[in-house]
Amino acid sequence: MTMQIIDANCGIGPWGWRDAILPGDVPETLAILDYCGIDRALAYSNLAHTPASARTANAAITAAAADCDRLIPAFVLAPHPYDDSPQPADYVQAMRAAGAKAVWLRPKFQQHGTETWLVGGLLALCADCRLPLLVSAEEVPPDRVQQWCREFPALRLVVTNLGYRADVWLYPLLRQHPELRACLGHTYVPPGGVERWVRHFGAKRLLFGSGLPHYGPGGLVGMVMYCELAAADKALILAGNIEQLMTEVRW
């Protein structure tokens, strides 16, 4: 069975340390995508995992994607305390020019809080532009997910890096907030498989995300390909859901 696959959680390029077995540049990452049959990747710069500024990380992914049409840029947003810091309008201009289709908040690595008084302007930007906002469950706790979704009901929030016991809080939040989504990944395979998820919520709110460069995509691709779901549901999870979100971004 051949299906389009778009990786919604892919880091590109160097970061603060280098493990020789992990892909550290674009050609190495593309080789893994090729091996696993992944067509494109919604990619952020691994500089987001360092104290480097969001501006630096965004410039890096813009340059990488300009040289490779299989990479779709995902920017990193951060609060703007200074007069010469990027403002929301500056982010919009840069994202439009780069062809970016999603954003991340990385509060742990960018060293800022998650309170709405601090990041509310960025959340409003994402909601207004219908930008998918990806966050790690390791950095944004469930109570904050609940607060953001309640205060910004149009926010298309995608939670990644979920743990295997996350369903205890994730499922109640999914029931309350129809725009909340989750990213399937090696740290999150729903107990009972993707079949249980689809029985509860359908296939349209679960995205495929490998977690490259720290996790390999092969096993995850196989799990979706060979699960007991209709081909149409598999196609949504592997590519259709993130593709739909990206097509609905409005500037």
C-alpha atoms as a PDB file:
ATOM      1  CA  MET A   1       0.000   0.000   0.000  1.00  0.00           C
ATOM      2  CA  THR A   2       1.430   3.365  -1.022  1.00  0.00           C
ATOM      3  CA  MET A   3       0.265   6.469   0.823  1.00  0.00           C
ATOM      4  CA  GLN A   4       1.525   9.994   1.103  1.00  0.00           C
ATOM      5  CA  ILE A   5       3.243  10.646   4.443  1.00  0.00           C
ATOM      6  CA  ILE A   6       3.959  14.071   5.925  1.00  0.00           C
ATOM      7  CA  ASP A   7       5.999  14.154   9.118  1.00  0.00           C
ATOM      8  CA  ALA A   8       4.529  16.843  11.388  1.00  0.00           C
ATOM      9  CA  ASN A   9       7.324  16.732  13.982  1.00  0.00           C
ATOM     10  CA  CYS A  10      10.770  16.864  12.429  1.00  0.00           C
ATOM     11  CA  GLY A  11      13.839  18.766  13.603  1.00  0.00           C
ATOM     12  CA  ILE A  12      16.457  19.810  11.061  1.00  0.00           C
ATOM     13  CA  GLY A  13      20.108  20.751  11.374  1.00  0.00           C
ATOM     14  CA  PRO A  14      22.608  21.044  14.226  1.00  0.00           C
ATOM     15  CA  TRP A  15      21.817  21.665  17.872  1.00  0.00           C
ATOM     16  CA  GLY A  16      23.700  22.057  21.114  1.00  0.00           C
ATOM     17  CA  TRP A  17      25.247  18.603  21.072  1.00  0.00           C
ATOM     18  CA  ARG A  18      25.791  15.957  18.446  1.00  0.00           C
ATOM     19  CA  ASP A  19      25.315  12.221  18.778  1.00  0.00           C
ATOM     20  CA  ALA A  20      27.050  10.573  15.856  1.00  0.00           C
ATOM     21  CA  ILE A  21      24.166   8.146  15.269  1.00  0.00           C
ATOM     22  CA  LEU A  22      21.572  10.922  14.846  1.00  0.00           C
ATOM     23  CA  PRO A  23      21.030  12.903  11.634  1.00  0.00           C
ATOM     24  CA  GLY A  24      22.669  16.305  11.934  1.00  0.00           C
ATOM     25  CA  ASP A  25      22.034  17.945   8.563  1.00  0.00           C
ATOM     26  CA  VAL A  26      19.444  18.061   5.800  1.00  0.00           C
ATOM     27  CA  PRO A  27      20.906  15.300   3.561  1.00  0.00           C
ATOM     28  CA  GLU A  28      21.120  12.867   6.487  1.00  0.00           C
ATOM     29  CA  THR A  29      17.530  13.634   7.485  1.00  0.00           C
ATOM     30  CA  LEU A  30      16.270  13.276   3.916  1.00  0.00           C
ATOM     31  CA  ALA A  31      17.968   9.899   3.647  1.00  0.00           C
ATOM     32  CA  ILE A  32      15.934   8.684   6.629  1.00  0.00           C
ATOM     33  CA  LEU A  33      12.721  10.130   5.202  1.00  0.00           C
ATOM     34  CA  ASP A  34      13.439   8.374   1.917  1.00  0.00           C
ATOM     35  CA  TYR A  35      14.155   5.059   3.613  1.00  0.00           C
ATOM     36  CA  CYS A  36      10.850   5.233   5.507  1.00  0.00           C
ATOM     37  CA  GLY A  37       8.774   6.405   2.553  1.00  0.00           C
ATOM     38  CA  ILE A  38       8.054   9.881   3.974  1.00  0.00           C
ATOM     39  CA  ASP A  39       7.327  12.439   1.279  1.00  0.00           C
ATOM     40  CA  ARG A  40       7.603  15.754   3.150  1.00  0.00           C
ATOM     41  CA  ALA A  41       8.252  17.085   6.624  1.00  0.00           C
ATOM     42  CA  LEU A  42       6.885  20.028   8.565  1.00  0.00           C
ATOM     43  CA  ALA A  43      10.279  20.954   9.937  1.00  0.00           C
ATOM     44  CA  TYR A  44      11.660  23.259  12.599  1.00  0.00           C
ATOM     45  CA  SER A  45      15.296  24.109  13.288  1.00  0.00           C
ATOM     46  CA  ASN A  46      16.999  22.099  16.018  1.00  0.00           C
ATOM     47  CA  LEU A  47      18.487  25.400  17.160  1.00  0.00           C
ATOM     48  CA  ALA A  48      15.157  25.746  18.970  1.00  0.00           C
ATOM     49  CA  HIS A  49      16.588  23.173  21.415  1.00  0.00           C
ATOM     50  CA  THR A  50      19.365  25.570  22.373  1.00  0.00           C
ATOM     51  CA  PRO A  51      19.507  29.040  23.934  1.00  0.00           C
ATOM     52  CA  ALA A  52      19.693  30.443  20.383  1.00  0.00           C
ATOM     53  CA  SER A  53      16.963  32.979  19.750  1.00  0.00           C
ATOM     54  CA  ALA A  54      13.757  32.164  17.912  1.00  0.00           C
ATOM     55  CA  ARG A  55      14.921  34.597  15.212  1.00  0.00           C
ATOM     56  CA  THR A  56      18.099  32.548  14.669  1.00  0.00           C
ATOM     57  CA  ALA A  57      16.205  29.259  14.559  1.00  0.00           C
ATOM     58  CA  ASN A  58      13.678  30.641  12.089  1.00  0.00           C
ATOM     59  CA  ALA A  59      16.374  31.980   9.804  1.00  0.00           C
ATOM     60  CA  ALA A  60      18.007  28.542   9.809  1.00  0.00           C
ATOM     61  CA  ILE A  61      14.849  26.630   8.850  1.00  0.00           C
ATOM     62  CA  THR A  62      13.981  29.248   6.243  1.00  0.00           C
ATOM     63  CA  ALA A  63      17.378  28.721   4.603  1.00  0.00           C
ATOM     64  CA  ALA A  64      17.104  24.918   4.788  1.00  0.00           C
ATOM     65  CA  ALA A  65      13.620  24.869   3.273  1.00  0.00           C
ATOM     66  CA  ALA A  66      14.612  27.287   0.509  1.00  0.00           C
ATOM     67  CA  ASP A  67      17.052  24.652  -0.733  1.00  0.00           C
ATOM     68  CA  CYS A  68      14.675  21.687  -0.344  1.00  0.00           C
ATOM     69  CA  ASP A  69      11.039  21.712  -1.405  1.00  0.00           C
ATOM     70  CA  ARG A  70      10.316  18.647   0.752  1.00  0.00           C
ATOM     71  CA  LEU A  71      10.722  20.719   3.902  1.00  0.00           C
ATOM     72  CA  ILE A  72       7.836  22.945   5.015  1.00  0.00           C
ATOM     73  CA  PRO A  73       9.048  25.509   7.555  1.00  0.00           C
ATOM     74  CA  ALA A  74       7.625  25.592  11.064  1.00  0.00           C
ATOM     75  CA  PHE A  75       8.709  28.699  12.950  1.00  0.00           C
ATOM     76  CA  VAL A  76       9.451  29.036  16.658  1.00  0.00           C
ATOM     77  CA  LEU A  77       7.678  31.874  18.457  1.00  0.00           C
ATOM     78  CA  ALA A  78       8.858  33.550  21.642  1.00  0.00           C
ATOM     79  CA  PRO A  79       7.802  36.533  23.760  1.00  0.00           C
ATOM     80  CA  HIS A  80       9.126  39.910  22.618  1.00  0.00           C
ATOM     81  CA  PRO A  81      10.357  41.959  25.607  1.00  0.00           C
ATOM     82  CA  TYR A  82      12.442  44.519  23.717  1.00  0.00           C
ATOM     83  CA  ASP A  83      11.548  47.232  21.266  1.00  0.00           C
ATOM     84  CA  ASP A  84      13.695  45.562  18.619  1.00  0.00           C
ATOM     85  CA  SER A  85      12.441  42.005  19.352  1.00  0.00           C
ATOM     86  CA  PRO A  86      10.266  40.352  16.691  1.00  0.00           C
ATOM     87  CA  GLN A  87       6.662  41.460  17.139  1.00  0.00           C
ATOM     88  CA  PRO A  88       3.666  39.361  16.009  1.00  0.00           C
ATOM     89  CA  ALA A  89       3.438  41.364  12.766  1.00  0.00           C
ATOM     90  CA  ASP A  90       7.132  40.648  12.113  1.00  0.00           C
ATOM     91  CA  TYR A  91       6.553  36.927  12.557  1.00  0.00           C
ATOM     92  CA  VAL A  92       3.657  37.033  10.102  1.00  0.00           C
ATOM     93  CA  GLN A  93       5.735  38.824   7.480  1.00  0.00           C
ATOM     94  CA  ALA A  94       8.652  36.411   7.858  1.00  0.00           C
ATOM     95  CA  MET A  95       6.429  33.320   7.851  1.00  0.00           C
ATOM     96  CA  ARG A  96       4.580  34.466   4.751  1.00  0.00           C
ATOM     97  CA  ALA A  97       7.868  35.076   2.946  1.00  0.00           C
ATOM     98  CA  ALA A  98       9.279  31.699   4.011  1.00  0.00           C
ATOM     99  CA  GLY A  99       6.140  29.704   3.254  1.00  0.00           C
ATOM    100  CA  ALA A 100       5.859  28.618   6.885  1.00  0.00           C
ATOM    101  CA  LYS A 101       2.680  26.706   7.707  1.00  0.00           C
ATOM    102  CA  ALA A 102       2.911  26.049  11.457  1.00  0.00           C
ATOM    103  CA  VAL A 103       4.633  27.273  14.589  1.00  0.00           C
ATOM    104  CA  TRP A 104       6.093  25.921  17.806  1.00  0.00           C
ATOM    105  CA  LEU A 105       6.354  27.305  21.306  1.00  0.00           C
ATOM    106  CA  ARG A 106       9.408  25.906  23.118  1.00  0.00           C
ATOM    107  CA  PRO A 107       9.238  27.541  26.566  1.00  0.00           C
ATOM    108  CA  LYS A 108      11.806  25.235  28.151  1.00  0.00           C
ATOM    109  CA  PHE A 109      14.501  25.916  25.580  1.00  0.00           C
ATOM    110  CA  GLN A 110      13.588  29.528  24.858  1.00  0.00           C
ATOM    111  CA  GLN A 111      13.463  30.027  28.629  1.00  0.00           C
ATOM    112  CA  HIS A 112      10.109  31.715  29.071  1.00  0.00           C
ATOM    113  CA  GLY A 113       6.884  30.921  30.871  1.00  0.00           C
ATOM    114  CA  THR A 114       3.564  29.693  29.517  1.00  0.00           C
ATOM    115  CA  GLU A 115       1.252  32.136  31.307  1.00  0.00           C
ATOM    116  CA  THR A 116      -1.269  33.779  29.009  1.00  0.00           C
ATOM    117  CA  TRP A 117      -0.218  37.245  30.185  1.00  0.00           C
ATOM    118  CA  LEU A 118       3.167  36.427  28.654  1.00  0.00           C
ATOM    119  CA  VAL A 119       2.330  34.418  25.513  1.00  0.00           C
ATOM    120  CA  GLY A 120      -1.290  35.459  24.953  1.00  0.00           C
ATOM    121  CA  GLY A 121      -0.397  37.724  22.037  1.00  0.00           C
ATOM    122  CA  LEU A 122       1.324  34.818  20.292  1.00  0.00           C
ATOM    123  CA  LEU A 123      -1.623  32.512  20.962  1.00  0.00           C
ATOM    124  CA  ALA A 124      -3.985  35.141  19.553  1.00  0.00           C
ATOM    125  CA  LEU A 125      -1.787  35.396  16.451  1.00  0.00           C
ATOM    126  CA  CYS A 126      -2.018  31.636  15.915  1.00  0.00           C
ATOM    127  CA  ALA A 127      -5.785  31.626  16.437  1.00  0.00           C
ATOM    128  CA  ASP A 128      -6.356  34.580  14.098  1.00  0.00           C
ATOM    129  CA  CYS A 129      -4.162  33.140  11.339  1.00  0.00           C
ATOM    130  CA  ARG A 130      -5.388  29.562  11.880  1.00  0.00           C
ATOM    131  CA  LEU A 131      -1.766  28.526  12.328  1.00  0.00           C
ATOM    132  CA  PRO A 132      -1.281  25.050  13.803  1.00  0.00           C
ATOM    133  CA  LEU A 133       0.593  25.508  17.084  1.00  0.00           C
ATOM    134  CA  LEU A 134       2.707  22.563  18.183  1.00  0.00           C
ATOM    135  CA  VAL A 135       3.888  22.164  21.763  1.00  0.00           C
ATOM    136  CA  SER A 136       5.566  19.419  23.736  1.00  0.00           C
ATOM    137  CA  ALA A 137       3.686  17.886  26.651  1.00  0.00           C
ATOM    138  CA  GLU A 138       7.052  17.894  28.417  1.00  0.00           C
ATOM    139  CA  GLU A 139       7.022  21.713  28.341  1.00  0.00           C
ATOM    140  CA  VAL A 140       3.321  22.648  28.497  1.00  0.00           C
ATOM    141  CA  PRO A 141       1.375  20.830  31.254  1.00  0.00           C
ATOM    142  CA  PRO A 142      -2.272  19.732  30.979  1.00  0.00           C
ATOM    143  CA  ASP A 143      -3.638  22.620  33.059  1.00  0.00           C
ATOM    144  CA  ARG A 144      -1.988  25.088  30.682  1.00  0.00           C
ATOM    145  CA  VAL A 145      -3.337  23.224  27.645  1.00  0.00           C
ATOM    146  CA  GLN A 146      -6.792  23.521  29.193  1.00  0.00           C
ATOM    147  CA  GLN A 147      -6.348  27.240  29.866  1.00  0.00           C
ATOM    148  CA  TRP A 148      -5.096  28.038  26.386  1.00  0.00           C
ATOM    149  CA  CYS A 149      -7.905  26.100  24.704  1.00  0.00           C
ATOM    150  CA  ARG A 150     -10.523  27.717  26.944  1.00  0.00           C
ATOM    151  CA  GLU A 151      -9.257  31.276  26.410  1.00  0.00           C
ATOM    152  CA  PHE A 152      -8.532  30.833  22.686  1.00  0.00           C
ATOM    153  CA  PRO A 153     -11.188  28.385  21.423  1.00  0.00           C
ATOM    154  CA  ALA A 154     -10.144  28.849  17.777  1.00  0.00           C
ATOM    155  CA  LEU A 155      -6.538  27.866  18.589  1.00  0.00           C
ATOM    156  CA  ARG A 156      -5.437  24.808  16.624  1.00  0.00           C
ATOM    157  CA  LEU A 157      -3.230  23.316  19.288  1.00  0.00           C
ATOM    158  CA  VAL A 158      -1.291  20.109  18.596  1.00  0.00           C
ATOM    159  CA  VAL A 159       0.298  18.387  21.606  1.00  0.00           C
ATOM    160  CA  THR A 160       3.405  16.306  20.883  1.00  0.00           C
ATOM    161  CA  ASN A 161       5.789  14.166  22.962  1.00  0.00           C
ATOM    162  CA  LEU A 162       2.935  12.703  24.966  1.00  0.00           C
ATOM    163  CA  GLY A 163       3.677   9.890  27.375  1.00  0.00           C
ATOM    164  CA  TYR A 164       2.059   6.476  27.210  1.00  0.00           C
ATOM    165  CA  ARG A 165      -0.204   7.365  30.172  1.00  0.00           C
ATOM    166  CA  ALA A 166      -1.325  10.715  28.791  1.00  0.00           C
ATOM    167  CA  ASP A 167      -4.808   9.501  27.862  1.00  0.00           C
ATOM    168  CA  VAL A 168      -5.992  10.005  31.449  1.00  0.00           C
ATOM    169  CA  TRP A 169      -5.935  13.784  30.904  1.00  0.00           C
ATOM    170  CA  LEU A 170      -5.774  14.005  27.114  1.00  0.00           C
ATOM    171  CA  TYR A 171      -9.115  12.341  26.358  1.00  0.00           C
ATOM    172  CA  PRO A 172     -11.124  14.631  28.683  1.00  0.00           C
ATOM    173  CA  LEU A 173      -9.473  17.668  27.095  1.00  0.00           C
ATOM    174  CA  LEU A 174     -10.170  16.382  23.591  1.00  0.00           C
ATOM    175  CA  ARG A 175     -13.840  16.016  24.498  1.00  0.00           C
ATOM    176  CA  GLN A 176     -13.998  19.611  25.750  1.00  0.00           C
ATOM    177  CA  HIS A 177     -11.996  21.324  22.995  1.00  0.00           C
ATOM    178  CA  PRO A 178     -12.773  20.381  19.386  1.00  0.00           C
ATOM    179  CA  GLU A 179      -9.725  22.194  17.952  1.00  0.00           C
ATOM    180  CA  LEU A 180      -7.271  20.304  20.162  1.00  0.00           C
ATOM    181  CA  ARG A 181      -5.198  17.650  18.406  1.00  0.00           C
ATOM    182  CA  ALA A 182      -2.395  15.259  19.265  1.00  0.00           C
ATOM    183  CA  CYS A 183       0.671  13.968  17.512  1.00  0.00           C
ATOM    184  CA  LEU A 184       1.235  10.243  17.273  1.00  0.00           C
ATOM    185  CA  GLY A 185       4.861   9.455  18.005  1.00  0.00           C
ATOM    186  CA  HIS A 186       7.287   7.012  19.572  1.00  0.00           C
ATOM    187  CA  THR A 187       6.605   8.487  22.978  1.00  0.00           C
ATOM    188  CA  TYR A 188       2.863   8.258  22.340  1.00  0.00           C
ATOM    189  CA  VAL A 189       1.165   5.228  20.885  1.00  0.00           C
ATOM    190  CA  PRO A 190      -2.387   5.276  22.261  1.00  0.00           C
ATOM    191  CA  PRO A 191      -3.100   2.324  24.577  1.00  0.00           C
ATOM    192  CA  GLY A 192      -5.229  -0.008  22.528  1.00  0.00           C
ATOM    193  CA  GLY A 193      -3.605   1.375  19.390  1.00  0.00           C
ATOM    194  CA  VAL A 194      -4.743   4.035  16.982  1.00  0.00           C
ATOM    195  CA  GLU A 195      -7.935   2.013  16.576  1.00  0.00           C
ATOM    196  CA  ARG A 196      -9.087   2.997  20.061  1.00  0.00           C
ATOM    197  CA  TRP A 197      -8.383   6.672  19.350  1.00  0.00           C
ATOM    198  CA  VAL A 198     -10.420   6.529  16.134  1.00  0.00           C
ATOM    199  CA  ARG A 199     -13.316   4.849  17.934  1.00  0.00           C
ATOM    200  CA  HIS A 200     -13.417   7.780  20.364  1.00  0.00           C
ATOM    201  CA  PHE A 201     -12.639  10.775  18.165  1.00  0.00           C
ATOM    202  CA  GLY A 202     -12.441   9.693  14.545  1.00  0.00           C
ATOM    203  CA  ALA A 203      -9.249   9.993  12.528  1.00  0.00           C
ATOM    204  CA  LYS A 204      -9.144  13.758  11.892  1.00  0.00           C
ATOM    205  CA  ARG A 205      -7.447  14.907  15.110  1.00  0.00           C
ATOM    206  CA  LEU A 206      -4.419  12.610  15.160  1.00  0.00           C
ATOM    207  CA  LEU A 207      -1.251  13.570  13.260  1.00  0.00           C
ATOM    208  CA  PHE A 208       1.821  11.555  12.356  1.00  0.00           C
ATOM    209  CA  GLY A 209       5.049  12.935  13.819  1.00  0.00           C
ATOM    210  CA  SER A 210       8.294  10.995  13.989  1.00  0.00           C
ATOM    211  CA  GLY A 211      10.216  13.154  16.453  1.00  0.00           C
ATOM    212  CA  LEU A 212      13.305  13.157  14.237  1.00  0.00           C
ATOM    213  CA  PRO A 213      16.207  13.461  14.836  1.00  0.00           C
ATOM    214  CA  HIS A 214      15.801  11.788  18.228  1.00  0.00           C
ATOM    215  CA  TYR A 215      13.465   9.012  17.074  1.00  0.00           C
ATOM    216  CA  GLY A 216      13.365   6.976  13.883  1.00  0.00           C
ATOM    217  CA  PRO A 217      10.114   6.941  11.899  1.00  0.00           C
ATOM    218  CA  GLY A 218      10.159   3.368  10.570  1.00  0.00           C
ATOM    219  CA  GLY A 219       8.271   1.568  13.323  1.00  0.00           C
ATOM    220  CA  LEU A 220       5.692   4.326  13.551  1.00  0.00           C
ATOM    221  CA  VAL A 221       5.009   4.196   9.809  1.00  0.00           C
ATOM    222  CA  GLY A 222       4.567   0.440   9.995  1.00  0.00           C
ATOM    223  CA  MET A 223       2.207   0.680  12.960  1.00  0.00           C
ATOM    224  CA  VAL A 224      -0.153   2.986  11.079  1.00  0.00           C
ATOM    225  CA  MET A 225       0.150   1.141   7.794  1.00  0.00           C
ATOM    226  CA  TYR A 226      -0.733  -2.223   9.322  1.00  0.00           C
ATOM    227  CA  CYS A 227      -3.282  -1.194  11.937  1.00  0.00           C
ATOM    228  CA  GLU A 228      -6.908  -2.265  11.554  1.00  0.00           C
ATOM    229  CA  LEU A 229      -8.270   0.965  10.150  1.00  0.00           C
ATOM    230  CA  ALA A 230      -9.832   1.880   6.841  1.00  0.00           C
ATOM    231  CA  ALA A 231      -7.385   3.149   4.244  1.00  0.00           C
ATOM    232  CA  ALA A 232      -9.070   6.568   4.327  1.00  0.00           C
ATOM    233  CA  ASP A 233      -8.412   6.892   8.074  1.00  0.00           C
ATOM    234  CA  LYS A 234      -4.772   5.882   7.670  1.00  0.00           C
ATOM    235  CA  ALA A 235      -4.358   8.456   4.918  1.00  0.00           C
ATOM    236  CA  LEU A 236      -5.731  11.191   7.203  1.00  0.00           C
ATOM    237  CA  ILE A 237      -3.350  10.315  10.040  1.00  0.00           C
ATOM    238  CA  LEU A 238      -0.284   9.954   7.835  1.00  0.00           C
ATOM    239  CA  ALA A 239      -0.742  13.138   5.812  1.00  0.00           C
ATOM    240  CA  GLY A 240      -4.283  14.377   5.280  1.00  0.00           C
ATOM    241  CA  ASN A 241      -4.816  15.992   8.670  1.00  0.00           C
ATOM    242  CA  ILE A 242      -1.677  18.110   8.742  1.00  0.00           C
ATOM    243  CA  GLU A 243      -2.077  18.928   5.060  1.00  0.00           C
ATOM    244  CA  GLN A 244      -5.600  20.215   5.692  1.00  0.00           C
ATOM    245  CA  LEU A 245      -4.409  22.353   8.588  1.00  0.00           C
ATOM    246  CA  MET A 246      -1.651  23.840   6.467  1.00  0.00           C
ATOM    247  CA  THR A 247      -4.000  24.681   3.598  1.00  0.00           C
ATOM    248  CA  GLU A 248      -6.283  26.578   5.992  1.00  0.00           C
ATOM    249  CA  VAL A 249      -3.609  28.986   7.261  1.00  0.00           C
ATOM    250  CA  ARG A 250      -4.695  32.518   6.453  1.00  0.00           C
ATOM    251  CA  TRP A 251      -2.612  35.676   6.482  1.00  0.00           C
END
